[in-house]
Amino acid sequence: MALVTGAGRGIGLAFATALAEAGAQVIINDLRAEPAEEACHAIEAAGGSARPAVFDVTDYDALDGHVDRILAETGRLDTLMNNAGILIRAPIDEHGMGDFGRVIDINLNAVYAMARACARPMKRQRRGRIINTGSVMSISSRPGVISYVAAKHGVLGLTRGLAAELGPHNITVNAIGPGYILTEMNRHVLGTPFEQAVIDRTPMARWAEPEELTGTAVFLASDAAGFVTGQLLMVDGGMTSNSILVESQNLGASS
């Protein structure tokens, strides 16, 4: 049984679909019922098994209850895929503490809170897989997305800390570092200088499709990754192997 947060669309849906195709029963979390239910219908139409779980990952006092309800319905929880996140683009003079805190809350604090809630049943089972969504911004940076950079750097540290904490309970904790992915949220930059800047700095010389991330998620959720923990696996077409980082003041896309 795999719980994927923020799975109603985009990368989260691609992760959930791949896990279902690999044989997992998938819990589709989203903040809204409509995308969660639509995602479940799409997975089931393709022969997979999915059910919705509509809740806010930043409603910290309620998370234990949501996980308990999932366990009551399914009996166990094998994999947590922490994918929910947001990005706010703004220069520092326009990026106030409210926006900064919101990005940190969803992209970092909620990752810890969900891991904490799901670690309880995983410890009882003596097996678990926690997979966090990092970014190229977990190990690099660019202007205009400072809160996102801070959060994704934090996700890497959190992944390593959780791996050390939970390893004795046979729970692995890893992160995936996507490069620049063609999702609905990013398609507005197609045909702009930013699109070409990404291509120029990526050895594979293109953007990725969401499905190109999914094999890494399936591997990390599988028994084949039973001795892999505390790692950030980059799926970025080689971008972070380059010494030149993507920079843009006014154009941008999530990664």
C-alpha atoms as a PDB file:
ATOM      1  CA  MET A   1       0.000   0.000   0.000  1.00  0.00           C
ATOM      2  CA  ALA A   2       1.464   3.345  -1.109  1.00  0.00           C
ATOM      3  CA  LEU A   3       0.310   6.821  -0.050  1.00  0.00           C
ATOM      4  CA  VAL A   4       1.277   9.593  -2.470  1.00  0.00           C
ATOM      5  CA  THR A   5       0.678  13.189  -1.385  1.00  0.00           C
ATOM      6  CA  GLY A   6      -0.199  15.871  -3.902  1.00  0.00           C
ATOM      7  CA  ALA A   7      -1.043  13.136  -6.407  1.00  0.00           C
ATOM      8  CA  GLY A   8      -4.067  14.648  -8.119  1.00  0.00           C
ATOM      9  CA  ARG A   9      -1.999  15.857 -11.069  1.00  0.00           C
ATOM     10  CA  GLY A  10       1.483  16.395 -12.457  1.00  0.00           C
ATOM     11  CA  ILE A  11       4.481  14.577 -11.031  1.00  0.00           C
ATOM     12  CA  GLY A  12       2.491  13.186  -8.111  1.00  0.00           C
ATOM     13  CA  LEU A  13      -0.001  11.541 -10.447  1.00  0.00           C
ATOM     14  CA  ALA A  14       2.835  10.112 -12.524  1.00  0.00           C
ATOM     15  CA  PHE A  15       4.401   8.629  -9.368  1.00  0.00           C
ATOM     16  CA  ALA A  16       1.080   7.150  -8.230  1.00  0.00           C
ATOM     17  CA  THR A  17       0.333   5.702 -11.667  1.00  0.00           C
ATOM     18  CA  ALA A  18       3.730   4.016 -11.869  1.00  0.00           C
ATOM     19  CA  LEU A  19       3.408   2.516  -8.396  1.00  0.00           C
ATOM     20  CA  ALA A  20      -0.037   1.179  -9.327  1.00  0.00           C
ATOM     21  CA  GLU A  21       1.330  -0.286 -12.543  1.00  0.00           C
ATOM     22  CA  ALA A  22       4.020  -2.023 -10.474  1.00  0.00           C
ATOM     23  CA  GLY A  23       1.283  -3.686  -8.410  1.00  0.00           C
ATOM     24  CA  ALA A  24       0.818  -1.379  -5.433  1.00  0.00           C
ATOM     25  CA  GLN A  25      -2.536  -0.308  -4.125  1.00  0.00           C
ATOM     26  CA  VAL A  26      -2.305   3.477  -4.173  1.00  0.00           C
ATOM     27  CA  ILE A  27      -3.814   6.111  -1.916  1.00  0.00           C
ATOM     28  CA  ILE A  28      -4.201   9.374  -3.835  1.00  0.00           C
ATOM     29  CA  ASN A  29      -3.909  12.368  -1.531  1.00  0.00           C
ATOM     30  CA  ASP A  30      -4.885  15.819  -2.668  1.00  0.00           C
ATOM     31  CA  LEU A  31      -6.212  18.967  -1.054  1.00  0.00           C
ATOM     32  CA  ARG A  32      -9.327  18.804  -3.250  1.00  0.00           C
ATOM     33  CA  ALA A  33     -11.674  15.887  -3.877  1.00  0.00           C
ATOM     34  CA  GLU A  34     -12.114  16.365  -7.624  1.00  0.00           C
ATOM     35  CA  PRO A  35      -8.511  15.830  -8.773  1.00  0.00           C
ATOM     36  CA  ALA A  36      -8.033  12.969  -6.290  1.00  0.00           C
ATOM     37  CA  GLU A  37     -11.115  11.165  -7.563  1.00  0.00           C
ATOM     38  CA  GLU A  38     -10.228  11.803 -11.206  1.00  0.00           C
ATOM     39  CA  ALA A  39      -6.743  10.395 -10.620  1.00  0.00           C
ATOM     40  CA  CYS A  40      -8.219   7.283  -8.999  1.00  0.00           C
ATOM     41  CA  HIS A  41     -10.588   6.765 -11.922  1.00  0.00           C
ATOM     42  CA  ALA A  42      -7.713   7.055 -14.399  1.00  0.00           C
ATOM     43  CA  ILE A  43      -5.584   4.530 -12.506  1.00  0.00           C
ATOM     44  CA  GLU A  44      -8.463   2.092 -12.129  1.00  0.00           C
ATOM     45  CA  ALA A  45      -9.363   2.435 -15.825  1.00  0.00           C
ATOM     46  CA  ALA A  46      -5.825   1.301 -16.613  1.00  0.00           C
ATOM     47  CA  GLY A  47      -6.234  -1.761 -14.386  1.00  0.00           C
ATOM     48  CA  GLY A  48      -4.713  -0.428 -11.167  1.00  0.00           C
ATOM     49  CA  SER A  49      -6.084  -0.049  -7.664  1.00  0.00           C
ATOM     50  CA  ALA A  50      -6.501   3.406  -6.120  1.00  0.00           C
ATOM     51  CA  ARG A  51      -8.578   5.261  -3.585  1.00  0.00           C
ATOM     52  CA  PRO A  52      -8.715   8.955  -2.655  1.00  0.00           C
ATOM     53  CA  ALA A  53      -7.636  10.519   0.639  1.00  0.00           C
ATOM     54  CA  VAL A  54      -8.568  14.196   0.700  1.00  0.00           C
ATOM     55  CA  PHE A  55      -6.759  16.149   3.400  1.00  0.00           C
ATOM     56  CA  ASP A  56      -4.355  19.024   3.966  1.00  0.00           C
ATOM     57  CA  VAL A  57      -0.808  17.832   4.684  1.00  0.00           C
ATOM     58  CA  THR A  58      -0.218  21.002   6.731  1.00  0.00           C
ATOM     59  CA  ASP A  59      -3.117  20.260   9.105  1.00  0.00           C
ATOM     60  CA  TYR A  60      -0.625  18.692  11.480  1.00  0.00           C
ATOM     61  CA  ASP A  61      -2.967  17.901  14.351  1.00  0.00           C
ATOM     62  CA  ALA A  62      -5.138  15.821  12.015  1.00  0.00           C
ATOM     63  CA  LEU A  63      -2.469  13.761  10.230  1.00  0.00           C
ATOM     64  CA  ASP A  64      -2.353  10.879  12.710  1.00  0.00           C
ATOM     65  CA  GLY A  65      -6.109  10.515  12.331  1.00  0.00           C
ATOM     66  CA  HIS A  66      -5.897  10.457   8.540  1.00  0.00           C
ATOM     67  CA  VAL A  67      -3.199   7.789   8.624  1.00  0.00           C
ATOM     68  CA  ASP A  68      -5.207   5.749  11.132  1.00  0.00           C
ATOM     69  CA  ARG A  69      -8.221   5.848   8.802  1.00  0.00           C
ATOM     70  CA  ILE A  70      -6.093   4.685   5.889  1.00  0.00           C
ATOM     71  CA  LEU A  71      -4.798   1.801   8.012  1.00  0.00           C
ATOM     72  CA  ALA A  72      -8.330   0.881   9.096  1.00  0.00           C
ATOM     73  CA  GLU A  73      -9.360   0.693   5.433  1.00  0.00           C
ATOM     74  CA  THR A  74      -6.285  -1.026   4.004  1.00  0.00           C
ATOM     75  CA  GLY A  75      -4.595  -2.883   6.849  1.00  0.00           C
ATOM     76  CA  ARG A  76      -1.051  -1.606   6.282  1.00  0.00           C
ATOM     77  CA  LEU A  77       1.075   1.151   4.815  1.00  0.00           C
ATOM     78  CA  ASP A  78       4.251   0.189   2.983  1.00  0.00           C
ATOM     79  CA  THR A  79       5.275   3.360   1.167  1.00  0.00           C
ATOM     80  CA  LEU A  80       4.903   7.081   1.735  1.00  0.00           C
ATOM     81  CA  MET A  81       5.710   9.302  -1.213  1.00  0.00           C
ATOM     82  CA  ASN A  82       6.009  12.899   0.028  1.00  0.00           C
ATOM     83  CA  ASN A  83       5.269  14.873  -3.113  1.00  0.00           C
ATOM     84  CA  ALA A  84       2.958  17.773  -2.197  1.00  0.00           C
ATOM     85  CA  GLY A  85       4.610  21.142  -2.701  1.00  0.00           C
ATOM     86  CA  ILE A  86       4.375  24.680  -4.017  1.00  0.00           C
ATOM     87  CA  LEU A  87       6.694  27.285  -5.511  1.00  0.00           C
ATOM     88  CA  ILE A  88       6.389  31.068  -5.268  1.00  0.00           C
ATOM     89  CA  ARG A  89       8.540  33.080  -7.647  1.00  0.00           C
ATOM     90  CA  ALA A  90       9.564  36.526  -6.436  1.00  0.00           C
ATOM     91  CA  PRO A  91      12.734  38.543  -5.802  1.00  0.00           C
ATOM     92  CA  ILE A  92      13.683  38.949  -2.151  1.00  0.00           C
ATOM     93  CA  ASP A  93      12.284  42.502  -1.939  1.00  0.00           C
ATOM     94  CA  GLU A  94       8.841  41.167  -2.883  1.00  0.00           C
ATOM     95  CA  HIS A  95       9.007  37.845  -1.029  1.00  0.00           C
ATOM     96  CA  GLY A  96       7.648  38.497   2.434  1.00  0.00           C
ATOM     97  CA  MET A  97       7.791  36.285   5.483  1.00  0.00           C
ATOM     98  CA  GLY A  98       4.250  35.051   4.918  1.00  0.00           C
ATOM     99  CA  ASP A  99       5.064  33.629   1.489  1.00  0.00           C
ATOM    100  CA  PHE A 100       8.441  32.350   2.682  1.00  0.00           C
ATOM    101  CA  GLY A 101       6.800  30.547   5.594  1.00  0.00           C
ATOM    102  CA  ARG A 102       4.073  29.052   3.391  1.00  0.00           C
ATOM    103  CA  VAL A 103       6.627  27.490   1.022  1.00  0.00           C
ATOM    104  CA  ILE A 104       8.667  26.110   3.930  1.00  0.00           C
ATOM    105  CA  ASP A 105       5.512  24.818   5.597  1.00  0.00           C
ATOM    106  CA  ILE A 106       4.263  22.802   2.628  1.00  0.00           C
ATOM    107  CA  ASN A 107       7.586  21.747   1.106  1.00  0.00           C
ATOM    108  CA  LEU A 108       9.503  20.921   4.300  1.00  0.00           C
ATOM    109  CA  ASN A 109       7.467  20.933   7.505  1.00  0.00           C
ATOM    110  CA  ALA A 110       4.730  18.787   5.987  1.00  0.00           C
ATOM    111  CA  VAL A 111       7.312  16.303   4.701  1.00  0.00           C
ATOM    112  CA  TYR A 112       8.483  15.774   8.273  1.00  0.00           C
ATOM    113  CA  ALA A 113       4.943  15.656   9.649  1.00  0.00           C
ATOM    114  CA  MET A 114       3.823  13.037   7.125  1.00  0.00           C
ATOM    115  CA  ALA A 115       6.961  10.963   7.695  1.00  0.00           C
ATOM    116  CA  ARG A 116       6.372  11.125  11.441  1.00  0.00           C
ATOM    117  CA  ALA A 117       2.741  10.021  11.114  1.00  0.00           C
ATOM    118  CA  CYS A 118       3.523   7.169   8.717  1.00  0.00           C
ATOM    119  CA  ALA A 119       6.585   5.969  10.628  1.00  0.00           C
ATOM    120  CA  ARG A 120       4.325   4.727  13.440  1.00  0.00           C
ATOM    121  CA  PRO A 121       2.709   1.874  11.466  1.00  0.00           C
ATOM    122  CA  MET A 122       5.902   1.218   9.516  1.00  0.00           C
ATOM    123  CA  LYS A 123       7.796   0.662  12.761  1.00  0.00           C
ATOM    124  CA  ARG A 124       5.149  -1.832  13.883  1.00  0.00           C
ATOM    125  CA  GLN A 125       5.430  -3.616  10.534  1.00  0.00           C
ATOM    126  CA  ARG A 126       9.230  -3.593  10.683  1.00  0.00           C
ATOM    127  CA  ARG A 127       9.265  -2.407   7.078  1.00  0.00           C
ATOM    128  CA  GLY A 128       8.667   0.851   5.290  1.00  0.00           C
ATOM    129  CA  ARG A 129       9.716   3.075   2.428  1.00  0.00           C
ATOM    130  CA  ILE A 130       9.616   6.867   2.667  1.00  0.00           C
ATOM    131  CA  ILE A 131      10.412   8.715  -0.545  1.00  0.00           C
ATOM    132  CA  ASN A 132      10.666  12.505  -0.529  1.00  0.00           C
ATOM    133  CA  THR A 133      10.546  14.743  -3.576  1.00  0.00           C
ATOM    134  CA  GLY A 134      13.670  16.864  -3.628  1.00  0.00           C
ATOM    135  CA  SER A 135      14.900  18.911  -6.573  1.00  0.00           C
ATOM    136  CA  VAL A 136      17.957  20.129  -8.404  1.00  0.00           C
ATOM    137  CA  MET A 137      17.449  22.969  -5.922  1.00  0.00           C
ATOM    138  CA  SER A 138      18.348  20.544  -3.121  1.00  0.00           C
ATOM    139  CA  ILE A 139      21.995  20.936  -4.144  1.00  0.00           C
ATOM    140  CA  SER A 140      22.059  24.119  -6.248  1.00  0.00           C
ATOM    141  CA  SER A 141      20.182  27.424  -6.509  1.00  0.00           C
ATOM    142  CA  ARG A 142      19.000  30.223  -8.757  1.00  0.00           C
ATOM    143  CA  PRO A 143      17.539  33.675  -8.177  1.00  0.00           C
ATOM    144  CA  GLY A 144      13.870  34.320  -7.623  1.00  0.00           C
ATOM    145  CA  VAL A 145      12.903  31.132  -5.758  1.00  0.00           C
ATOM    146  CA  ILE A 146      14.800  31.518  -2.500  1.00  0.00           C
ATOM    147  CA  SER A 147      12.164  29.912  -0.262  1.00  0.00           C
ATOM    148  CA  TYR A 148      11.926  26.915  -2.576  1.00  0.00           C
ATOM    149  CA  VAL A 149      15.715  26.527  -2.555  1.00  0.00           C
ATOM    150  CA  ALA A 150      15.739  26.685   1.252  1.00  0.00           C
ATOM    151  CA  ALA A 151      12.939  24.136   1.526  1.00  0.00           C
ATOM    152  CA  LYS A 152      14.476  21.675  -0.930  1.00  0.00           C
ATOM    153  CA  HIS A 153      17.881  21.920   0.737  1.00  0.00           C
ATOM    154  CA  GLY A 154      16.006  21.153   3.936  1.00  0.00           C
ATOM    155  CA  VAL A 155      14.380  18.099   2.359  1.00  0.00           C
ATOM    156  CA  LEU A 156      17.823  16.638   1.687  1.00  0.00           C
ATOM    157  CA  GLY A 157      18.916  17.155   5.303  1.00  0.00           C
ATOM    158  CA  LEU A 158      15.616  15.805   6.566  1.00  0.00           C
ATOM    159  CA  THR A 159      15.950  12.731   4.353  1.00  0.00           C
ATOM    160  CA  ARG A 160      19.359  11.962   5.798  1.00  0.00           C
ATOM    161  CA  GLY A 161      18.210  12.580   9.371  1.00  0.00           C
ATOM    162  CA  LEU A 162      15.149  10.364   8.977  1.00  0.00           C
ATOM    163  CA  ALA A 163      17.268   7.636   7.406  1.00  0.00           C
ATOM    164  CA  ALA A 164      19.530   7.593  10.462  1.00  0.00           C
ATOM    165  CA  GLU A 165      16.565   7.644  12.836  1.00  0.00           C
ATOM    166  CA  LEU A 166      14.438   5.004  11.133  1.00  0.00           C
ATOM    167  CA  GLY A 167      17.045   2.656   9.680  1.00  0.00           C
ATOM    168  CA  PRO A 168      17.092   0.393  12.781  1.00  0.00           C
ATOM    169  CA  HIS A 169      13.364  -0.202  12.181  1.00  0.00           C
ATOM    170  CA  ASN A 170      13.961  -1.448   8.619  1.00  0.00           C
ATOM    171  CA  ILE A 171      12.530   1.766   7.162  1.00  0.00           C
ATOM    172  CA  THR A 172      14.438   3.349   4.297  1.00  0.00           C
ATOM    173  CA  VAL A 173      14.214   7.072   3.566  1.00  0.00           C
ATOM    174  CA  ASN A 174      15.396   8.516   0.268  1.00  0.00           C
ATOM    175  CA  ALA A 175      14.733  11.492  -1.980  1.00  0.00           C
ATOM    176  CA  ILE A 176      14.338  11.913  -5.708  1.00  0.00           C
ATOM    177  CA  GLY A 177      15.850  15.039  -7.282  1.00  0.00           C
ATOM    178  CA  PRO A 178      13.891  15.928 -10.423  1.00  0.00           C
ATOM    179  CA  GLY A 179      15.364  18.237 -12.980  1.00  0.00           C
ATOM    180  CA  TYR A 180      13.116  20.403 -15.120  1.00  0.00           C
ATOM    181  CA  ILE A 181       9.943  18.490 -15.922  1.00  0.00           C
ATOM    182  CA  LEU A 182       7.250  19.317 -18.464  1.00  0.00           C
ATOM    183  CA  THR A 183       4.123  19.559 -16.334  1.00  0.00           C
ATOM    184  CA  GLU A 184       1.045  21.729 -16.708  1.00  0.00           C
ATOM    185  CA  MET A 185       2.554  24.133 -14.175  1.00  0.00           C
ATOM    186  CA  ASN A 186       5.615  24.613 -16.391  1.00  0.00           C
ATOM    187  CA  ARG A 187       4.219  24.675 -19.897  1.00  0.00           C
ATOM    188  CA  HIS A 188       3.894  28.467 -19.784  1.00  0.00           C
ATOM    189  CA  VAL A 189       7.680  28.734 -20.227  1.00  0.00           C
ATOM    190  CA  LEU A 190       7.726  26.795 -23.500  1.00  0.00           C
ATOM    191  CA  GLY A 191       9.115  28.999 -26.219  1.00  0.00           C
ATOM    192  CA  THR A 192      10.718  31.405 -23.737  1.00  0.00           C
ATOM    193  CA  PRO A 193      14.426  32.059 -23.113  1.00  0.00           C
ATOM    194  CA  PHE A 194      14.131  30.086 -19.870  1.00  0.00           C
ATOM    195  CA  GLU A 195      13.160  26.918 -21.729  1.00  0.00           C
ATOM    196  CA  GLN A 196      16.259  27.212 -23.888  1.00  0.00           C
ATOM    197  CA  ALA A 197      18.464  28.059 -20.897  1.00  0.00           C
ATOM    198  CA  VAL A 198      17.464  24.779 -19.259  1.00  0.00           C
ATOM    199  CA  ILE A 199      18.185  22.862 -22.463  1.00  0.00           C
ATOM    200  CA  ASP A 200      21.572  24.540 -22.846  1.00  0.00           C
ATOM    201  CA  ARG A 201      22.620  23.554 -19.307  1.00  0.00           C
ATOM    202  CA  THR A 202      21.300  19.996 -19.429  1.00  0.00           C
ATOM    203  CA  PRO A 203      23.628  17.408 -21.002  1.00  0.00           C
ATOM    204  CA  MET A 204      20.602  15.486 -22.297  1.00  0.00           C
ATOM    205  CA  ALA A 205      19.642  18.765 -24.041  1.00  0.00           C
ATOM    206  CA  ARG A 206      15.927  18.606 -23.261  1.00  0.00           C
ATOM    207  CA  TRP A 207      13.306  18.778 -20.546  1.00  0.00           C
ATOM    208  CA  ALA A 208      11.922  15.572 -19.033  1.00  0.00           C
ATOM    209  CA  GLU A 209       8.434  14.113 -19.117  1.00  0.00           C
ATOM    210  CA  PRO A 210       6.903  13.241 -15.717  1.00  0.00           C
ATOM    211  CA  GLU A 211       6.983   9.526 -16.566  1.00  0.00           C
ATOM    212  CA  GLU A 212      10.780   9.620 -16.744  1.00  0.00           C
ATOM    213  CA  LEU A 213      10.894  10.083 -12.952  1.00  0.00           C
ATOM    214  CA  THR A 214       8.768   7.108 -12.139  1.00  0.00           C
ATOM    215  CA  GLY A 215      11.229   4.263 -12.516  1.00  0.00           C
ATOM    216  CA  THR A 216      13.292   5.749  -9.698  1.00  0.00           C
ATOM    217  CA  ALA A 217      10.238   5.862  -7.429  1.00  0.00           C
ATOM    218  CA  VAL A 218       9.318   2.248  -8.194  1.00  0.00           C
ATOM    219  CA  PHE A 219      12.892   1.160  -7.485  1.00  0.00           C
ATOM    220  CA  LEU A 220      13.070   2.994  -4.157  1.00  0.00           C
ATOM    221  CA  ALA A 221       9.729   1.503  -3.100  1.00  0.00           C
ATOM    222  CA  SER A 222      10.798  -2.023  -3.995  1.00  0.00           C
ATOM    223  CA  ASP A 223      12.704  -4.758  -2.180  1.00  0.00           C
ATOM    224  CA  ALA A 224      15.571  -4.135  -4.610  1.00  0.00           C
ATOM    225  CA  ALA A 225      16.277  -0.893  -2.704  1.00  0.00           C
ATOM    226  CA  GLY A 226      16.236  -2.514   0.719  1.00  0.00           C
ATOM    227  CA  PHE A 227      19.798  -1.369   1.551  1.00  0.00           C
ATOM    228  CA  VAL A 228      19.498   2.073  -0.079  1.00  0.00           C
ATOM    229  CA  THR A 229      18.761   4.827   2.417  1.00  0.00           C
ATOM    230  CA  GLY A 230      19.664   8.443   3.079  1.00  0.00           C
ATOM    231  CA  GLN A 231      20.261   9.100  -0.610  1.00  0.00           C
ATOM    232  CA  LEU A 232      19.252  11.809  -3.074  1.00  0.00           C
ATOM    233  CA  LEU A 233      18.890  10.226  -6.510  1.00  0.00           C
ATOM    234  CA  MET A 234      19.092  12.908  -9.174  1.00  0.00           C
ATOM    235  CA  VAL A 235      16.913  12.507 -12.260  1.00  0.00           C
ATOM    236  CA  ASP A 236      17.934  15.708 -14.001  1.00  0.00           C
ATOM    237  CA  GLY A 237      19.438  14.781 -17.359  1.00  0.00           C
ATOM    238  CA  GLY A 238      22.877  15.576 -15.940  1.00  0.00           C
ATOM    239  CA  MET A 239      22.135  19.212 -15.083  1.00  0.00           C
ATOM    240  CA  THR A 240      23.739  19.126 -11.635  1.00  0.00           C
ATOM    241  CA  SER A 241      26.825  17.436 -13.060  1.00  0.00           C
ATOM    242  CA  ASN A 242      27.519  20.721 -14.869  1.00  0.00           C
ATOM    243  CA  SER A 243      29.375  23.555 -13.147  1.00  0.00           C
ATOM    244  CA  ILE A 244      27.085  26.195 -14.683  1.00  0.00           C
ATOM    245  CA  LEU A 245      23.749  26.578 -12.908  1.00  0.00           C
ATOM    246  CA  VAL A 246      20.507  27.828 -14.377  1.00  0.00           C
ATOM    247  CA  GLU A 247      19.963  31.478 -13.559  1.00  0.00           C
ATOM    248  CA  SER A 248      16.975  33.648 -14.299  1.00  0.00           C
ATOM    249  CA  GLN A 249      15.656  36.675 -12.480  1.00  0.00           C
ATOM    250  CA  ASN A 250      12.176  36.860 -13.930  1.00  0.00           C
ATOM    251  CA  LEU A 251      11.445  33.560 -15.676  1.00  0.00           C
ATOM    252  CA  GLY A 252      11.235  30.249 -13.938  1.00  0.00           C
ATOM    253  CA  ALA A 253       9.740  26.818 -13.548  1.00  0.00           C
ATOM    254  CA  SER A 254       9.415  24.329 -10.737  1.00  0.00           C
ATOM    255  CA  SER A 255      11.884  21.496 -10.579  1.00  0.00           C
END
